[in-house]
Amino acid sequence: MSTHPDVERLLRAGFGVLPLLDRDGVDHALQFWRWGSDRQHLDVVAVFHEDYAVATRLPPQRMWESPLMPMARGPVRSMPFEPLAVAFEQRFQWSPPGDHLRQ
């Protein structure tokens, strides 16, 4: 079985993958996730198209009294899928919240 090279990059970088459903229940995107080594954050990558993927870092706990309240605390990066996957493959790490990806 062959795998898309950018999917393979994220899997090698320790991400799990799930289908991302649209409002009609159609599987139209992929959502990748991985816990940080200290479990103090959750890296999330949503891929909607070869030319559009979004990545952010989330806190480990959700506010369950308002479960749909946005939780992003780090920078949100949108870019084509390939450079984003390559960045994670090359072991880029998220910097503290508010900064950008750095090596």
N, C-alpha and C. Protein backbone atom coordinates (compact mmCIF):
# COMPACT_ATOMS: atom_id res chain seq x y z
N MET A 1 0.84 -1.17 0.00
CA MET A 1 0.00 0.00 0.00
C MET A 1 0.89 1.24 0.00
N SER A 2 0.64 2.16 -0.91
CA SER A 2 1.42 3.39 -0.93
C SER A 2 0.67 4.48 -0.17
N THR A 3 1.43 5.39 0.41
CA THR A 3 0.86 6.48 1.18
C THR A 3 1.31 7.79 0.57
N HIS A 4 0.45 8.78 0.61
CA HIS A 4 0.80 10.12 0.15
C HIS A 4 2.07 10.55 0.90
N PRO A 5 3.07 11.12 0.23
CA PRO A 5 4.33 11.43 0.91
C PRO A 5 4.18 12.40 2.08
N ASP A 6 3.28 13.36 1.99
CA ASP A 6 3.13 14.31 3.09
C ASP A 6 2.39 13.69 4.27
N VAL A 7 1.46 12.79 3.99
CA VAL A 7 0.81 12.03 5.07
C VAL A 7 1.87 11.19 5.78
N GLU A 8 2.71 10.54 5.01
CA GLU A 8 3.78 9.71 5.58
C GLU A 8 4.72 10.54 6.44
N ARG A 9 5.03 11.75 6.01
CA ARG A 9 5.92 12.63 6.80
C ARG A 9 5.31 12.90 8.18
N LEU A 10 4.02 13.23 8.22
CA LEU A 10 3.40 13.52 9.51
C LEU A 10 3.28 12.27 10.37
N LEU A 11 3.00 11.14 9.77
CA LEU A 11 2.94 9.89 10.54
C LEU A 11 4.30 9.59 11.15
N ARG A 12 5.37 9.78 10.37
CA ARG A 12 6.73 9.56 10.91
C ARG A 12 7.06 10.55 12.02
N ALA A 13 6.47 11.74 11.98
CA ALA A 13 6.72 12.77 13.00
C ALA A 13 5.88 12.51 14.26
N GLY A 14 5.16 11.40 14.29
CA GLY A 14 4.43 11.02 15.50
C GLY A 14 2.97 11.42 15.54
N PHE A 15 2.41 11.86 14.42
CA PHE A 15 1.01 12.26 14.38
C PHE A 15 0.11 11.05 14.13
N GLY A 16 -1.07 11.07 14.73
CA GLY A 16 -2.15 10.16 14.38
C GLY A 16 -3.02 10.91 13.37
N VAL A 17 -3.89 10.20 12.68
CA VAL A 17 -4.73 10.85 11.68
C VAL A 17 -6.16 10.35 11.77
N LEU A 18 -7.10 11.27 11.57
CA LEU A 18 -8.53 10.98 11.56
C LEU A 18 -9.18 11.69 10.38
N PRO A 19 -10.31 11.17 9.89
CA PRO A 19 -11.04 11.92 8.87
C PRO A 19 -11.67 13.16 9.50
N LEU A 20 -11.81 14.21 8.73
CA LEU A 20 -12.44 15.44 9.19
C LEU A 20 -13.71 15.61 8.38
N LEU A 21 -14.85 15.60 9.06
CA LEU A 21 -16.14 15.63 8.38
C LEU A 21 -16.60 17.06 8.15
N ASP A 22 -17.30 17.26 7.04
CA ASP A 22 -17.92 18.57 6.82
C ASP A 22 -19.32 18.55 7.45
N ARG A 23 -20.06 19.62 7.29
CA ARG A 23 -21.37 19.73 7.96
C ARG A 23 -22.39 18.73 7.47
N ASP A 24 -22.14 18.11 6.31
CA ASP A 24 -23.03 17.08 5.78
C ASP A 24 -22.56 15.67 6.10
N GLY A 25 -21.49 15.56 6.88
CA GLY A 25 -20.98 14.25 7.25
C GLY A 25 -20.08 13.62 6.20
N VAL A 26 -19.66 14.40 5.22
CA VAL A 26 -18.77 13.89 4.17
C VAL A 26 -17.32 14.04 4.63
N ASP A 27 -16.56 12.98 4.47
CA ASP A 27 -15.14 12.97 4.81
C ASP A 27 -14.40 13.74 3.72
N HIS A 28 -14.08 15.00 3.99
CA HIS A 28 -13.47 15.82 2.94
C HIS A 28 -12.10 16.37 3.31
N ALA A 29 -11.58 16.01 4.47
CA ALA A 29 -10.28 16.51 4.91
C ALA A 29 -9.69 15.52 5.91
N LEU A 30 -8.46 15.79 6.31
CA LEU A 30 -7.77 14.97 7.31
C LEU A 30 -7.37 15.84 8.49
N GLN A 31 -7.44 15.27 9.67
CA GLN A 31 -6.97 15.96 10.86
C GLN A 31 -5.89 15.11 11.52
N PHE A 32 -4.72 15.68 11.67
CA PHE A 32 -3.59 15.02 12.31
C PHE A 32 -3.43 15.60 13.70
N TRP A 33 -2.96 14.79 14.64
CA TRP A 33 -2.78 15.24 16.01
C TRP A 33 -1.64 14.48 16.65
N ARG A 34 -0.99 15.13 17.61
CA ARG A 34 0.02 14.45 18.44
C ARG A 34 0.17 15.22 19.74
N TRP A 35 0.41 14.48 20.81
CA TRP A 35 0.70 15.09 22.10
C TRP A 35 2.15 15.53 22.11
N GLY A 36 2.44 16.64 22.78
CA GLY A 36 3.82 17.04 23.03
C GLY A 36 4.47 16.03 23.95
N SER A 37 5.78 16.00 23.96
CA SER A 37 6.49 15.00 24.77
C SER A 37 6.16 15.12 26.26
N ASP A 38 5.82 16.31 26.72
CA ASP A 38 5.47 16.49 28.13
C ASP A 38 3.96 16.49 28.36
N ARG A 39 3.17 16.23 27.32
CA ARG A 39 1.71 16.21 27.35
C ARG A 39 1.13 17.54 27.84
N GLN A 40 1.85 18.62 27.63
CA GLN A 40 1.37 19.95 28.00
C GLN A 40 0.71 20.67 26.83
N HIS A 41 0.71 20.05 25.67
CA HIS A 41 0.08 20.64 24.50
C HIS A 41 -0.29 19.54 23.51
N LEU A 42 -1.18 19.90 22.61
CA LEU A 42 -1.63 19.01 21.55
C LEU A 42 -1.42 19.75 20.23
N ASP A 43 -0.55 19.22 19.36
CA ASP A 43 -0.36 19.79 18.03
C ASP A 43 -1.45 19.25 17.12
N VAL A 44 -2.11 20.14 16.38
CA VAL A 44 -3.20 19.75 15.49
C VAL A 44 -2.94 20.33 14.11
N VAL A 45 -3.09 19.50 13.08
CA VAL A 45 -2.96 19.91 11.69
C VAL A 45 -4.21 19.45 10.96
N ALA A 46 -4.91 20.38 10.32
CA ALA A 46 -6.07 20.04 9.50
C ALA A 46 -5.69 20.31 8.05
N VAL A 47 -5.88 19.31 7.19
CA VAL A 47 -5.51 19.43 5.78
C VAL A 47 -6.78 19.34 4.94
N PHE A 48 -7.08 20.42 4.24
CA PHE A 48 -8.29 20.51 3.43
C PHE A 48 -8.02 20.31 1.95
N HIS A 49 -6.79 20.58 1.52
CA HIS A 49 -6.43 20.51 0.11
C HIS A 49 -4.90 20.56 0.04
N GLU A 50 -4.33 20.15 -1.06
CA GLU A 50 -2.87 20.22 -1.22
C GLU A 50 -2.35 21.63 -0.96
N ASP A 51 -3.16 22.63 -1.28
CA ASP A 51 -2.73 24.02 -1.15
C ASP A 51 -3.18 24.68 0.14
N TYR A 52 -3.87 23.95 1.02
CA TYR A 52 -4.36 24.59 2.23
C TYR A 52 -4.39 23.63 3.40
N ALA A 53 -3.53 23.91 4.36
CA ALA A 53 -3.50 23.18 5.62
C ALA A 53 -3.34 24.20 6.73
N VAL A 54 -3.85 23.89 7.92
CA VAL A 54 -3.78 24.78 9.06
C VAL A 54 -3.21 23.99 10.23
N ALA A 55 -2.30 24.63 10.98
CA ALA A 55 -1.70 23.98 12.14
C ALA A 55 -1.76 24.91 13.33
N THR A 56 -1.95 24.33 14.52
CA THR A 56 -1.91 25.10 15.76
C THR A 56 -1.53 24.18 16.90
N ARG A 57 -1.37 24.79 18.05
CA ARG A 57 -1.09 24.05 19.28
C ARG A 57 -2.20 24.37 20.27
N LEU A 58 -2.75 23.33 20.89
CA LEU A 58 -3.85 23.49 21.82
C LEU A 58 -3.44 23.09 23.22
N PRO A 59 -4.11 23.65 24.24
CA PRO A 59 -3.83 23.23 25.62
C PRO A 59 -4.36 21.81 25.83
N PRO A 60 -3.85 21.12 26.85
CA PRO A 60 -4.29 19.74 27.07
C PRO A 60 -5.70 19.60 27.63
N GLN A 61 -6.24 20.66 28.20
CA GLN A 61 -7.57 20.57 28.81
C GLN A 61 -8.55 21.48 28.09
N ARG A 62 -9.73 20.98 27.83
CA ARG A 62 -10.80 21.79 27.22
C ARG A 62 -11.71 22.28 28.34
N MET A 63 -12.26 23.46 28.17
CA MET A 63 -13.22 24.00 29.14
C MET A 63 -14.58 23.36 28.83
N TRP A 64 -14.93 22.30 29.56
CA TRP A 64 -16.12 21.52 29.22
C TRP A 64 -17.42 22.24 29.49
N GLU A 65 -17.41 23.30 30.29
CA GLU A 65 -18.63 24.08 30.46
C GLU A 65 -18.96 24.88 29.20
N SER A 66 -17.96 25.12 28.34
CA SER A 66 -18.14 25.79 27.04
C SER A 66 -17.32 25.03 26.01
N PRO A 67 -17.73 23.80 25.67
CA PRO A 67 -16.87 22.92 24.87
C PRO A 67 -16.59 23.42 23.44
N LEU A 68 -17.39 24.32 22.92
CA LEU A 68 -17.17 24.80 21.55
C LEU A 68 -16.44 26.13 21.51
N MET A 69 -16.02 26.62 22.67
CA MET A 69 -15.24 27.86 22.71
C MET A 69 -13.86 27.58 22.11
N PRO A 70 -13.38 28.46 21.23
CA PRO A 70 -12.04 28.25 20.64
C PRO A 70 -10.97 28.13 21.71
N MET A 71 -10.02 27.20 21.50
CA MET A 71 -9.01 26.92 22.51
C MET A 71 -7.58 27.20 22.05
N ALA A 72 -7.38 27.65 20.82
CA ALA A 72 -6.01 27.84 20.33
C ALA A 72 -5.28 28.84 21.21
N ARG A 73 -4.08 28.48 21.62
CA ARG A 73 -3.28 29.41 22.41
C ARG A 73 -1.97 29.72 21.72
N GLY A 74 -1.64 28.93 20.72
CA GLY A 74 -0.42 29.17 19.97
C GLY A 74 -0.74 29.82 18.64
N PRO A 75 0.28 30.07 17.86
CA PRO A 75 0.04 30.66 16.55
C PRO A 75 -0.70 29.69 15.65
N VAL A 76 -1.53 30.21 14.78
CA VAL A 76 -2.19 29.40 13.78
C VAL A 76 -1.46 29.65 12.48
N ARG A 77 -1.02 28.58 11.85
CA ARG A 77 -0.28 28.70 10.60
C ARG A 77 -1.08 28.06 9.48
N SER A 78 -1.33 28.81 8.42
CA SER A 78 -1.93 28.21 7.23
C SER A 78 -0.90 28.28 6.12
N MET A 79 -0.80 27.20 5.37
CA MET A 79 0.16 27.10 4.28
C MET A 79 -0.16 25.86 3.46
N PRO A 80 0.47 25.70 2.30
CA PRO A 80 0.28 24.46 1.56
C PRO A 80 0.72 23.25 2.40
N PHE A 81 0.12 22.12 2.13
CA PHE A 81 0.34 20.90 2.91
C PHE A 81 1.81 20.48 2.91
N GLU A 82 2.45 20.46 1.74
CA GLU A 82 3.81 19.92 1.66
C GLU A 82 4.81 20.66 2.55
N PRO A 83 4.92 22.00 2.49
CA PRO A 83 5.91 22.65 3.36
C PRO A 83 5.61 22.47 4.85
N LEU A 84 4.34 22.38 5.20
CA LEU A 84 3.99 22.15 6.59
C LEU A 84 4.44 20.76 7.03
N ALA A 85 4.17 19.75 6.21
CA ALA A 85 4.58 18.38 6.54
C ALA A 85 6.10 18.27 6.59
N VAL A 86 6.79 18.92 5.67
CA VAL A 86 8.26 18.90 5.67
C VAL A 86 8.80 19.54 6.94
N ALA A 87 8.20 20.64 7.38
CA ALA A 87 8.66 21.31 8.59
C ALA A 87 8.58 20.38 9.80
N PHE A 88 7.47 19.66 9.94
CA PHE A 88 7.35 18.72 11.06
C PHE A 88 8.31 17.54 10.89
N GLU A 89 8.48 17.08 9.67
CA GLU A 89 9.40 15.97 9.43
C GLU A 89 10.82 16.35 9.81
N GLN A 90 11.19 17.59 9.59
CA GLN A 90 12.54 18.05 9.91
C GLN A 90 12.68 18.43 11.37
N ARG A 91 11.70 18.03 12.15
CA ARG A 91 11.71 18.21 13.60
C ARG A 91 11.65 19.66 14.04
N PHE A 92 10.94 20.47 13.26
CA PHE A 92 10.66 21.82 13.73
C PHE A 92 9.78 21.67 14.96
N GLN A 93 9.98 22.51 15.92
CA GLN A 93 9.18 22.48 17.14
C GLN A 93 8.43 23.80 17.25
N TRP A 94 7.26 23.74 17.85
CA TRP A 94 6.53 24.98 18.11
C TRP A 94 7.27 25.74 19.19
N SER A 95 7.37 27.02 19.03
CA SER A 95 7.94 27.87 20.06
C SER A 95 6.84 28.25 21.04
N PRO A 96 7.14 28.99 22.07
CA PRO A 96 6.10 29.38 23.02
C PRO A 96 4.93 30.07 22.32
N PRO A 97 3.73 30.02 22.92
CA PRO A 97 2.56 30.62 22.30
C PRO A 97 2.82 32.04 21.83
N GLY A 98 2.33 32.34 20.61
CA GLY A 98 2.47 33.67 20.04
C GLY A 98 3.65 33.78 19.10
N ASP A 99 4.58 32.83 19.13
CA ASP A 99 5.72 32.86 18.23
C ASP A 99 5.42 31.99 17.02
N HIS A 100 6.41 31.79 16.18
CA HIS A 100 6.24 30.98 14.97
C HIS A 100 6.99 29.67 15.09
N LEU A 101 6.84 28.83 14.08
CA LEU A 101 7.61 27.59 14.05
C LEU A 101 9.09 27.93 14.02
N ARG A 102 9.86 27.16 14.71
CA ARG A 102 11.31 27.37 14.67
C ARG A 102 11.99 26.02 14.71
N GLN A 103 13.24 25.98 14.29
CA GLN A 103 13.96 24.73 14.24
C GLN A 103 14.62 24.47 15.57
